[in-house]
Each structure stands twice: as C-alpha cells, then as structure tokens.
Protein backbone atom coordinates (compact mmCIF):
# COMPACT_ATOMS: atom_id res chain seq x y z
CA MET A 1 57.94 30.89 41.31
CA LEU A 2 59.96 30.90 44.50
CA PHE A 3 60.60 33.89 46.77
CA CYS A 4 63.13 33.75 49.59
CA ALA A 5 63.28 36.59 52.10
CA LYS A 6 62.94 37.05 55.85
CA GLN A 7 59.78 39.12 55.34
CA ILE A 8 57.95 36.37 53.42
CA LYS A 9 56.09 33.68 55.33
CA PRO A 10 56.09 30.18 53.81
CA ASN A 11 52.97 29.44 51.77
CA GLU A 12 51.87 27.70 48.61
CA ASN A 13 49.68 29.29 45.96
CA GLN A 14 48.13 27.22 43.17
CA LYS A 15 46.47 30.18 41.43
CA PHE A 16 46.99 30.84 37.71
CA TYR A 17 49.09 33.97 37.02
CA SER A 18 51.03 35.59 34.20
CA GLN A 19 54.63 36.73 34.30
CA ILE A 20 53.33 40.31 34.15
CA ASP A 21 51.81 39.72 37.63
CA PHE A 22 55.27 39.19 39.18
CA LYS A 23 55.58 42.67 40.71
CA ASP A 24 52.10 42.55 42.25
CA ILE A 25 52.62 39.03 43.61
CA LEU A 26 55.91 40.03 45.22
CA LEU A 27 54.46 43.23 46.68
CA SER A 28 51.53 41.29 48.14
CA GLN A 29 54.03 39.08 49.96
CA ILE A 30 56.15 41.86 51.50
CA THR A 31 53.52 44.57 52.07
CA THR A 32 49.84 44.76 52.95
CA ARG A 33 48.97 45.07 49.27
CA THR A 34 46.23 42.71 48.04
CA GLU A 35 47.29 39.71 45.97
CA PRO A 36 46.38 40.06 42.27
CA LYS A 37 43.37 38.17 40.94
CA ALA A 38 44.06 34.84 39.28
CA ARG A 39 43.77 34.82 35.51
CA LYS A 40 41.65 32.62 33.26
CA LYS A 41 44.16 32.86 30.40
CA ILE A 42 47.68 34.06 29.81
CA PHE A 43 49.57 34.92 26.66
CA THR A 44 53.20 33.98 26.41
CA GLN A 45 56.03 34.73 24.03
CA GLY A 46 59.52 33.33 23.78
CA ASN A 47 62.34 32.43 21.46
CA SER A 48 64.11 29.18 20.68
CA GLY A 49 65.67 30.14 17.38
CA LYS A 50 62.21 31.23 16.20
CA LEU A 51 59.70 33.49 17.83
CA ILE A 52 57.12 31.32 19.58
CA TYR A 53 53.91 32.73 21.00
CA GLY A 54 50.94 31.15 22.66
CA LYS A 55 48.11 31.03 25.13
CA ILE A 56 47.44 28.82 28.13
CA THR A 57 44.13 28.81 30.01
CA SER A 58 43.34 27.78 33.55
CA ASP A 59 41.07 25.12 31.98
CA GLY A 60 44.05 23.42 30.33
CA GLU A 61 43.59 24.72 26.79
CA TYR A 62 46.79 25.71 25.02
CA VAL A 63 48.17 26.84 21.70
CA PHE A 64 51.78 27.57 20.71
CA ILE A 65 52.69 28.84 17.25
CA ASP A 66 56.05 29.77 15.75
CA ASN A 67 56.33 33.01 13.80
CA SER A 68 56.54 31.14 10.49
CA TYR A 69 53.29 29.34 11.34
CA LEU A 70 55.11 26.10 10.48
CA ALA A 71 54.68 24.56 13.91
CA VAL A 72 51.39 24.67 15.77
CA LYS A 73 50.91 22.71 18.99
CA THR A 74 47.41 22.95 20.41
CA ASN A 75 44.35 21.19 21.74
CA LEU A 76 42.05 23.80 20.15
CA ALA A 77 39.94 23.54 17.00
CA ASP A 78 41.10 25.47 13.91
CA GLU A 79 38.55 28.27 14.36
CA GLU A 80 39.69 28.67 18.00
CA VAL A 81 43.29 29.02 16.81
CA GLU A 82 42.15 31.78 14.42
CA GLN A 83 40.38 33.52 17.31
CA PHE A 84 43.52 33.16 19.40
CA ASN A 85 45.54 34.98 16.73
CA LYS A 86 43.05 37.87 16.81
CA ASP A 87 43.13 37.94 20.64
CA TYR A 88 46.92 37.85 20.65
CA GLN A 89 47.12 40.77 18.24
CA GLU A 90 44.85 42.78 20.55
CA TYR A 91 47.19 41.88 23.42
CA LEU A 92 50.20 43.15 21.44
CA ASN A 93 48.32 46.29 20.44
CA TYR A 94 47.61 47.05 24.10
CA PHE A 95 51.33 47.06 24.90
CA GLU A 96 52.02 49.28 21.90
CA THR A 97 49.64 51.88 23.38
CA LEU A 98 51.72 51.95 26.56
CA LYS A 99 54.69 53.27 24.59
CA GLU A 100 52.84 56.47 23.73
C-alpha cells in the first residue's frame, strides 16, 4: 500500500494487515492515532469469474477456494481446510450482524 501526501513522512512497514485496516492505517499516518495491531491471519474474498475466498497467515499458510469448490489452492492439510471453512463462515456471520 502506498500513501502520498505532504502530511505523511516516508517510512516502510512490513507488518501483516487486512484491507479492513486501511482506514486505521491511514489515520495513524496523518493524525496522532495509534497504528492498528498487526494480524496473524486475514480472510480475503474476490472474483475472477467465480467467487474466490481464502485465508493467508503471517506464518505463510494459505488457502484459496472457489465457490464451486472445484479449485482449492493451499498448503494446509484437509482437516485444516475444513476448519478454515468454519472460521470463514464465522467471519461472514460477523459482518452480517453489522447490518442489523
């Protein structure tokens, strides 16, 4: 991520963040607000003709699955992929509660 503004001093940050941290990262650069804590894992979702969702950890573990479950790219064991699906559903459920 690259920010360009007169108020931001040049620096490099190698911490592990999610896209949902964007606002807090930016505010920490232009105000006295504290930088958000680095994450150990992030969930991601995107689309390239099919819905693709996944998880990346700061330890280098990853899993990406398409919504048809036809393509799975991972370095996790099968039972860890199953646990990921449960964790991802909890993540989605959390955002559903924010709508209420």
